[in-house]
Structure formats: C-alpha cells, structure tokens
Amino acid sequence: MKRIGMLTSGGDCQALNATMRGVVKGLYNTFDEVEVYGFLEGYKGLIYGNYKKLSADDFSGILTKGGTILGSSRTPFKQIDEPTPEGYNKVEKMKETYKKLKLDCLVVLGGNGSQKTANRLSEEGLNVIGCPKTIDNDIWGTDMTFGFQSAVDIATNAIDCIHTTAASHNRVFIVEVMGHKVGWITLHAGIASGADIILIPEIPYDIKKVAKALEKRTKAGKGFSILAVAEGAISKEVAELPKKERKAAIAAAAEKYPSVAYEVADKIKEFCGMDIRVTVPGHTQRGGSPVPYDRVISSRFGAKAAELIKEKDFGKLVVMKNNEVDAIPLSETAGKLKYVSPDDKIIAEAKTLGISFGD
C-alpha cells in the first residue's frame, strides 16, 4: 500500500487540478494499492491536520476545471519558523501530520515559495516531490510552469480586445499584466497581441524614451498605441537607487497610485499630454479552464511525479527542459527566481519588430 499526500500551495492557477489528476492517474497505473490524502488550503492543511482521503472518482472530470479542488493558501517561507497563532511550530506540526498518516511521499504543487518550503521538509527527512506551479513562469530550473500559457492566453485576449476600442478613439491604452517580480507573461502576451511598447521589471524603463516611442507612432500617422506593462515594471531612476531607498520609493508610489500602470500613465501625460486609459485584467489571468498546452504538460508532470515515487527518488522538482520532462533536486531551485534576461534572443527579436522596451 502506497500512501501519498498532496497539496496545492500559494496563488491558484489553471491546471492545478489537471496536474493532480496526472499524479493520481500515474499512481493508480503504477501501484496495485494507493491511498491519496489531500491537504486542504495548502500547507495550512498539513499544519493543522486538515485533510480528506480521496478516491479515483475525486479526480475524474477535473482535467479542464480551473482552480483547485483542495483549495489553496499562502504560507510565506520567510515566516515558516514563526509559530502559529496557537503557538505551534509549523515545521514540526507538518512533520507530525505526515508521520501520523504514515505517508510514503508528499507531492507539493506550488510556486517558488512553496518549493522552498518543500525543500525544507525534504531536509527535515520527509519524502517530497514538487511540481512547478505558477502563472509567472519564474521557477528556476524549468523552462515552463503549468498555468503560464493559460495566463498568457488570457492576457493576450485582453490586449486584443483593447485594440479595437483604442483604434476607435485614437487613444493610448495601458494594459497591466500580472507576473510579480518577472516579466514573462507581459513579454509573451505583448508580442502575441502586437503591443507597441512592453515594460518589464528586468528592463527598467526611461519614461522619456517611452514618450518618444509614442510620439514616433503619432508622427507616423498611427492613431493609437498599446502598452503592455508588467505589474512589477520599474523606472531607471528607481532601479538605480540603493535597496532601502528603492523600497521606500516603490512604497510611496503604491500610496499614490492604484498600481504601476496608473503611475506610468501619469508620467506619460506629463511628457505628451496624450489621452490615456488603463486596463487591469487582474485575477482573470489566474482563472478559467487551462488551455490545451497546460493540460498536456500537467499530465506529463503528473506522470513524472508518479515515476519518481515508484523509483523512491525523492527531494526532487519535476521540470521541463528542452521539451523533455525531467527532475532536479529541490535544493537547486529553492530560493531562486528565473528572470527574463535583457540579452535573451526573444528581446532582440521583439526589438527588431519595432517593439520598444523603454530602454
């Protein structure tokens, strides 16, 4: 009898259910007897022993369903050694629950912070397998995370829809795209939707150059412009500040503006006086049904997780490398983010197409 625990941690995204389904189908087709325990609301369920025993039927019909049937929550890694409100040691409580259920392995579907915690539990002696979840595609060591392509599709559609109204009214539109500290979604959605300007955290922007790019389009007879702006976009002036001052500047801007897109719009108005509108698709980028691409890689990730469990090859993160599914030690990826490099070929290719990055 194999006893497997599973949880979904951090922000939700499309294909969490598809990945769990892949893991479970792989397990049932690998072992004669399997018991699966789903922890509710992420690591919180593991800490408080809040779980339910799941059957194969629980994973039927969820391939196309967004969200997560187990629920999710954030348990920040930087607070993992802080006691719960009740005074519990979080790590010890998680270990206690794991041992009480006599689990053979814990499968963690989560992003960067969740995998840091997964690595901590692995170091504490638990058998852990991680699956790379995040719309941000920022987990170091994998070319792709599940949820990313679905978010790109939604962000792209949002920008596509803006094109018609922008053209009708000869306006400048800014569409703010999610992605936390990295610009992968903005970059891909911006190129896919034909955005004229793309601003991402990894390439701090010069507002004068952004304004110049807009004025160039106006002089060329273009009646409208579209900017795809990452939620973490930052100006060169702020990026060059010492860390403490930079954090203070970002915090001050957050007090003044609802989000980064509004700050960029305000700055553009100072230089150009253009009529600007802001659209923030927000959490729609996390919702809905996973696109076929995500369903495929989720199924592949799930199958690989089952294979690792069979081989007792624990302490690993399932990854995608050159379109092949593989696994790397959790210790290699924990605490690292995968950023867009300004030197990536895709940036040069986008610039060749005439897209400005404000640099």
Protein backbone atom coordinates (compact mmCIF):
# COMPACT_ATOMS: atom_id res chain seq x y z
CA MET A 1 0.00 0.00 0.00
CA LYS A 2 1.35 3.39 -1.04
CA ARG A 3 0.10 6.36 0.99
CA ILE A 4 0.55 9.67 -0.80
CA GLY A 5 -0.22 13.17 0.46
CA MET A 6 -0.87 16.07 -1.90
CA LEU A 7 -1.39 19.80 -1.52
CA THR A 8 -1.69 22.94 -3.65
CA SER A 9 0.00 25.97 -2.15
CA GLY A 10 0.26 29.68 -2.95
CA GLY A 11 -1.72 31.59 -5.57
CA ASP A 12 -4.13 29.50 -7.60
CA CYS A 13 -3.80 29.00 -11.33
CA GLN A 14 -5.18 26.97 -14.17
CA ALA A 15 -4.11 23.31 -14.41
CA LEU A 16 -3.67 22.63 -10.70
CA ASN A 17 -6.47 20.09 -10.98
CA ALA A 18 -5.04 18.74 -14.23
CA THR A 19 -1.67 18.15 -12.57
CA MET A 20 -3.19 16.43 -9.53
CA ARG A 21 -5.17 14.26 -11.89
CA GLY A 22 -1.96 13.37 -13.73
CA VAL A 23 -0.21 12.41 -10.50
CA VAL A 24 -3.11 10.25 -9.31
CA LYS A 25 -3.68 8.53 -12.65
CA GLY A 26 0.04 7.79 -12.76
CA LEU A 27 -0.04 6.35 -9.25
CA TYR A 28 -3.07 4.16 -9.87
CA ASN A 29 -1.46 2.80 -13.02
CA THR A 30 1.86 2.19 -11.25
CA PHE A 31 0.88 0.63 -7.91
CA ASP A 32 -1.66 -2.07 -7.06
CA GLU A 33 -2.90 -0.23 -3.97
CA VAL A 34 -2.82 3.52 -3.36
CA GLU A 35 -4.30 5.83 -0.76
CA VAL A 36 -4.31 9.55 -1.53
CA TYR A 37 -4.73 12.22 1.14
CA GLY A 38 -5.45 15.77 0.03
CA PHE A 39 -4.50 18.54 2.43
CA LEU A 40 -6.95 21.44 2.36
CA GLU A 41 -5.80 25.01 1.80
CA GLY A 42 -2.17 24.23 1.15
CA TYR A 43 0.40 23.94 3.91
CA LYS A 44 -2.22 25.16 6.36
CA GLY A 45 -3.95 21.79 5.97
CA LEU A 46 -0.69 19.97 6.64
CA ILE A 47 -0.01 22.09 9.73
CA TYR A 48 -3.45 21.63 11.26
CA GLY A 49 -4.08 18.09 10.03
CA ASN A 50 -6.98 19.22 7.86
CA TYR A 51 -7.24 16.66 5.08
CA LYS A 52 -9.54 14.26 3.32
CA LYS A 53 -8.98 10.83 1.89
CA LEU A 54 -9.56 10.93 -1.85
CA SER A 55 -10.67 8.27 -4.30
CA ALA A 56 -10.08 7.95 -8.03
CA ASP A 57 -13.56 9.40 -8.60
CA ASP A 58 -12.49 12.69 -7.00
CA PHE A 59 -10.06 13.20 -9.86
CA SER A 60 -12.49 12.32 -12.63
CA GLY A 61 -13.69 15.20 -14.80
CA ILE A 62 -11.25 17.79 -13.44
CA LEU A 63 -8.79 17.93 -16.35
CA THR A 64 -10.49 21.04 -17.75
CA LYS A 65 -11.50 22.58 -14.43
CA GLY A 66 -9.63 25.67 -13.22
CA GLY A 67 -8.71 26.39 -9.62
CA THR A 68 -8.02 23.56 -7.18
CA ILE A 69 -10.36 21.03 -5.61
CA LEU A 70 -8.19 21.13 -2.47
CA GLY A 71 -8.18 24.88 -2.01
CA SER A 72 -5.02 26.90 -1.51
CA SER A 73 -3.45 29.48 0.79
CA ARG A 74 -0.17 31.28 1.23
CA THR A 75 2.23 30.20 3.95
CA PRO A 76 5.24 32.51 3.37
CA PHE A 77 8.56 30.72 3.66
CA LYS A 78 10.09 33.67 5.50
CA GLN A 79 7.53 33.05 8.24
CA ILE A 80 7.88 29.27 8.31
CA ASP A 81 9.82 29.31 11.60
CA GLU A 82 7.39 31.71 13.25
CA PRO A 83 4.82 29.95 15.48
CA THR A 84 1.15 29.76 14.51
CA PRO A 85 -1.33 31.96 16.44
CA GLU A 86 -1.83 28.95 18.73
CA GLY A 87 1.90 28.72 19.37
CA TYR A 88 2.57 25.64 17.19
CA ASN A 89 5.90 25.08 15.49
CA LYS A 90 4.80 24.94 11.84
CA VAL A 91 7.53 22.62 10.60
CA GLU A 92 7.10 20.20 13.49
CA LYS A 93 3.32 20.14 13.03
CA MET A 94 3.73 19.35 9.33
CA LYS A 95 6.13 16.52 10.14
CA GLU A 96 3.73 15.26 12.78
CA THR A 97 0.81 15.12 10.34
CA TYR A 98 2.96 13.40 7.71
CA LYS A 99 4.06 10.71 10.16
CA LYS A 100 0.61 10.27 11.68
CA LEU A 101 -0.76 9.34 8.24
CA LYS A 102 2.29 7.16 7.55
CA LEU A 103 2.81 8.81 4.20
CA ASP A 104 5.31 7.45 1.70
CA CYS A 105 5.55 10.79 -0.07
CA LEU A 106 4.17 14.33 -0.10
CA VAL A 107 3.53 15.91 -3.53
CA VAL A 108 3.63 19.71 -3.47
CA LEU A 109 2.10 21.70 -6.32
CA GLY A 110 3.34 25.23 -5.87
CA GLY A 111 5.50 28.12 -6.94
CA ASN A 112 8.84 29.43 -5.77
CA GLY A 113 7.95 29.99 -2.11
CA SER A 114 6.06 26.71 -1.87
CA GLN A 115 9.02 24.78 -3.25
CA LYS A 116 11.33 26.45 -0.73
CA THR A 117 9.12 25.02 1.99
CA ALA A 118 9.05 21.67 0.18
CA ASN A 119 12.86 21.65 0.22
CA ARG A 120 12.83 22.48 3.94
CA LEU A 121 10.58 19.49 4.61
CA SER A 122 12.86 17.34 2.48
CA GLU A 123 15.83 18.46 4.56
CA GLU A 124 13.81 17.55 7.65
CA GLY A 125 13.65 13.96 6.42
CA LEU A 126 10.28 13.79 4.63
CA ASN A 127 9.89 12.25 1.18
CA VAL A 128 8.81 15.16 -1.04
CA ILE A 129 8.21 15.67 -4.77
CA GLY A 130 7.50 19.13 -6.19
CA CYS A 131 5.55 20.12 -9.31
CA PRO A 132 6.19 23.63 -10.73
CA LYS A 133 3.03 25.74 -10.49
CA THR A 134 2.80 29.45 -11.27
CA ILE A 135 1.42 31.73 -13.95
CA ASP A 136 4.63 33.77 -13.55
CA ASN A 137 6.90 31.07 -15.06
CA ASP A 138 9.61 32.21 -12.64
CA ILE A 139 10.71 28.90 -11.07
CA TRP A 140 14.42 28.41 -11.62
CA GLY A 141 15.41 25.17 -13.33
CA THR A 142 12.35 24.62 -15.53
CA ASP A 143 11.64 26.09 -18.95
CA MET A 144 7.91 26.04 -18.27
CA THR A 145 5.50 26.02 -15.36
CA PHE A 146 1.89 24.92 -15.62
CA GLY A 147 -0.53 27.84 -15.59
CA PHE A 148 1.78 30.15 -17.54
CA GLN A 149 0.42 29.55 -21.04
CA SER A 150 -3.18 29.84 -19.84
CA ALA A 151 -2.38 33.21 -18.24
CA VAL A 152 -0.63 34.36 -21.42
CA ASP A 153 -3.71 33.46 -23.45
CA ILE A 154 -5.99 35.49 -21.16
CA ALA A 155 -3.65 38.50 -21.08
CA THR A 156 -3.28 38.33 -24.86
CA ASN A 157 -7.04 38.26 -25.32
CA ALA A 158 -7.40 41.28 -23.03
CA ILE A 159 -4.93 43.27 -25.13
CA ASP A 160 -6.57 42.05 -28.35
CA CYS A 161 -9.91 43.38 -27.13
CA ILE A 162 -8.35 46.73 -26.23
CA HIS A 163 -7.05 47.19 -29.79
CA THR A 164 -10.47 47.84 -31.28
CA THR A 165 -11.53 50.48 -28.76
CA ALA A 166 -8.07 52.09 -28.83
CA ALA A 167 -8.26 52.37 -32.62
CA SER A 168 -11.82 53.70 -32.50
CA HIS A 169 -10.94 56.57 -30.15
CA ASN A 170 -7.30 57.22 -31.11
CA ARG A 171 -6.13 56.67 -27.57
CA VAL A 172 -3.14 55.28 -25.78
CA PHE A 173 -4.07 52.23 -23.74
CA ILE A 174 -2.01 50.66 -20.99
CA VAL A 175 -2.82 47.05 -20.09
CA GLU A 176 -1.27 45.92 -16.81
CA VAL A 177 -0.25 42.27 -16.80
CA MET A 178 0.47 40.05 -13.79
CA GLY A 179 3.79 38.34 -13.13
CA HIS A 180 5.01 39.50 -9.71
CA LYS A 181 8.74 40.29 -9.99
CA VAL A 182 9.29 38.95 -13.52
CA GLY A 183 8.06 39.85 -16.99
CA TRP A 184 7.44 36.53 -18.73
CA ILE A 185 3.65 36.88 -19.12
CA THR A 186 3.90 40.51 -20.22
CA LEU A 187 6.63 39.72 -22.71
CA HIS A 188 4.79 36.83 -24.36
CA ALA A 189 1.34 38.43 -24.26
CA GLY A 190 2.76 41.73 -25.52
CA ILE A 191 4.39 40.12 -28.53
CA ALA A 192 1.39 37.87 -29.23
CA SER A 193 -1.03 40.81 -29.19
CA GLY A 194 1.10 43.25 -31.15
CA ALA A 195 1.73 45.68 -28.30
CA ASP A 196 3.81 48.68 -29.33
CA ILE A 197 5.61 49.07 -26.01
CA ILE A 198 6.40 46.38 -23.43
CA LEU A 199 7.64 47.31 -19.97
CA ILE A 200 9.00 44.54 -17.75
CA PRO A 201 10.85 44.56 -14.39
CA GLU A 202 14.05 43.17 -15.85
CA ILE A 203 14.46 46.17 -18.20
CA PRO A 204 13.94 49.39 -16.19
CA TYR A 205 12.26 51.98 -18.38
CA ASP A 206 13.18 55.56 -19.21
CA ILE A 207 9.88 57.46 -19.38
CA LYS A 208 11.39 59.89 -21.89
CA LYS A 209 12.10 57.01 -24.25
CA VAL A 210 8.59 55.64 -23.73
CA ALA A 211 7.18 59.07 -24.61
CA LYS A 212 9.49 59.28 -27.62
CA ALA A 213 8.25 55.91 -28.91
CA LEU A 214 4.65 57.10 -28.61
CA GLU A 215 5.39 60.38 -30.39
CA LYS A 216 7.15 58.45 -33.17
CA ARG A 217 3.99 56.46 -33.77
CA THR A 218 1.89 59.61 -33.81
CA LYS A 219 4.18 61.25 -36.38
CA ALA A 220 3.95 58.09 -38.49
CA GLY A 221 0.18 58.52 -38.63
CA LYS A 222 -0.66 55.84 -36.08
CA GLY A 223 -3.77 56.96 -34.26
CA PHE A 224 -3.37 54.75 -31.20
CA SER A 225 -0.79 52.84 -29.18
CA ILE A 226 -0.86 49.86 -26.84
CA LEU A 227 1.45 49.39 -23.86
CA ALA A 228 1.75 46.03 -22.10
CA VAL A 229 3.06 46.88 -18.65
CA ALA A 230 4.13 44.29 -16.07
CA GLU A 231 2.83 44.83 -12.54
CA GLY A 232 6.44 44.93 -11.38
CA ALA A 233 7.72 47.36 -14.03
CA ILE A 234 10.17 49.91 -12.62
CA SER A 235 11.76 53.12 -13.88
CA LYS A 236 15.51 53.50 -14.31
CA GLU A 237 15.59 56.22 -11.68
CA VAL A 238 14.06 53.98 -9.05
CA ALA A 239 16.00 50.88 -10.13
CA GLU A 240 19.31 52.72 -9.63
CA LEU A 241 18.52 53.68 -6.03
CA PRO A 242 20.12 51.78 -3.12
CA LYS A 243 17.90 48.90 -1.96
CA LYS A 244 16.44 50.68 1.07
CA GLU A 245 15.65 53.86 -0.85
CA ARG A 246 14.26 51.83 -3.76
CA LYS A 247 11.82 50.03 -1.46
CA ALA A 248 10.76 53.37 0.02
CA ALA A 249 10.17 54.84 -3.45
CA ILE A 250 8.08 51.85 -4.52
CA ALA A 251 6.06 52.06 -1.30
CA ALA A 252 5.46 55.79 -1.82
CA ALA A 253 4.23 55.15 -5.37
CA ALA A 254 1.89 52.43 -4.07
CA GLU A 255 0.37 55.02 -1.72
CA LYS A 256 -0.22 57.43 -4.60
CA TYR A 257 -1.33 55.11 -7.40
CA PRO A 258 -3.68 52.07 -7.51
CA SER A 259 -0.99 50.16 -9.44
CA VAL A 260 2.07 50.57 -11.65
CA ALA A 261 0.04 51.13 -14.83
CA TYR A 262 -1.51 54.29 -13.38
CA GLU A 263 1.91 55.59 -12.43
CA VAL A 264 3.19 55.03 -15.97
CA ALA A 265 0.08 56.72 -17.38
CA ASP A 266 0.61 59.76 -15.15
CA LYS A 267 4.24 60.07 -16.20
CA ILE A 268 3.38 59.81 -19.90
CA LYS A 269 0.80 62.58 -19.54
CA GLU A 270 3.50 64.85 -18.11
CA PHE A 271 5.57 64.44 -21.27
CA CYS A 272 3.00 64.01 -24.02
CA GLY A 273 -0.37 65.20 -22.79
CA MET A 274 -1.94 62.21 -24.53
CA ASP A 275 -5.38 60.77 -23.76
CA ILE A 276 -4.54 57.58 -21.84
CA ARG A 277 -6.69 54.77 -20.50
CA VAL A 278 -5.66 51.96 -18.16
CA THR A 279 -7.00 48.40 -18.10
CA VAL A 280 -6.07 45.89 -15.39
CA PRO A 281 -7.28 42.32 -16.17
CA GLY A 282 -6.04 41.29 -12.70
CA HIS A 283 -7.00 37.88 -11.36
CA THR A 284 -8.86 36.90 -14.53
CA GLN A 285 -5.37 35.83 -15.62
CA ARG A 286 -5.43 33.10 -12.96
CA GLY A 287 -8.92 31.86 -13.72
CA GLY A 288 -10.87 29.76 -16.15
CA SER A 289 -10.09 26.49 -17.84
CA PRO A 290 -6.47 25.58 -18.63
CA VAL A 291 -5.52 25.77 -22.28
CA PRO A 292 -4.59 22.51 -24.05
CA TYR A 293 -0.86 23.19 -23.73
CA ASP A 294 -1.12 23.39 -19.95
CA ARG A 295 -3.25 20.25 -19.82
CA VAL A 296 -0.57 18.37 -21.73
CA ILE A 297 2.41 19.47 -19.64
CA SER A 298 0.41 18.99 -16.43
CA SER A 299 -0.33 15.40 -17.41
CA ARG A 300 3.34 14.86 -18.23
CA PHE A 301 4.45 16.40 -14.93
CA GLY A 302 1.99 14.17 -13.07
CA ALA A 303 3.25 11.06 -14.80
CA LYS A 304 6.84 12.01 -13.96
CA ALA A 305 5.94 12.56 -10.30
CA ALA A 306 4.44 9.06 -10.15
CA GLU A 307 7.58 7.67 -11.75
CA LEU A 308 9.80 9.39 -9.16
CA ILE A 309 7.67 7.98 -6.35
CA LYS A 310 7.99 4.49 -7.84
CA GLU A 311 11.76 4.87 -8.00
CA LYS A 312 11.87 6.39 -4.48
CA ASP A 313 13.75 9.32 -6.00
CA PHE A 314 12.59 11.96 -3.53
CA GLY A 315 13.61 15.54 -2.84
CA LYS A 316 13.09 16.42 -6.49
CA LEU A 317 11.24 19.06 -8.52
CA VAL A 318 9.67 17.92 -11.78
CA VAL A 319 10.85 20.23 -14.57
CA MET A 320 10.61 20.80 -18.31
CA LYS A 321 13.90 21.13 -20.17
CA ASN A 322 14.04 21.41 -23.97
CA ASN A 323 10.51 19.97 -24.15
CA GLU A 324 11.55 16.93 -22.13
CA VAL A 325 10.23 16.26 -18.63
CA ASP A 326 12.96 15.67 -16.08
CA ALA A 327 13.66 16.30 -12.38
CA ILE A 328 16.21 18.34 -10.42
CA PRO A 329 16.97 18.47 -6.68
CA LEU A 330 14.68 20.80 -4.75
CA SER A 331 17.80 22.23 -3.17
CA GLU A 332 18.93 23.52 -6.58
CA THR A 333 15.80 25.56 -7.23
CA ALA A 334 14.84 26.69 -3.73
CA GLY A 335 15.20 30.45 -3.27
CA LYS A 336 15.99 31.20 -6.92
CA LEU A 337 13.88 33.07 -9.45
CA LYS A 338 14.05 32.70 -13.22
CA TYR A 339 14.13 36.19 -14.71
CA VAL A 340 13.84 37.39 -18.28
CA SER A 341 17.37 38.25 -19.38
CA PRO A 342 17.69 41.53 -21.31
CA ASP A 343 20.11 39.59 -23.51
CA ASP A 344 17.60 36.86 -24.40
CA LYS A 345 17.12 36.43 -28.13
CA ILE A 346 13.39 37.00 -27.76
CA ILE A 347 14.08 40.57 -26.56
CA ALA A 348 16.30 41.28 -29.57
CA GLU A 349 13.71 39.76 -31.90
CA ALA A 350 10.94 41.87 -30.37
CA LYS A 351 13.04 45.00 -30.85
CA THR A 352 13.63 44.02 -34.49
CA LEU A 353 9.84 44.05 -34.85
CA GLY A 354 9.81 47.64 -33.63
CA ILE A 355 8.64 46.99 -30.07
CA SER A 356 10.04 49.45 -27.54
CA PHE A 357 11.07 48.37 -24.05
CA GLY A 358 11.58 51.94 -22.88
CA ASP A 359 15.34 51.47 -22.67
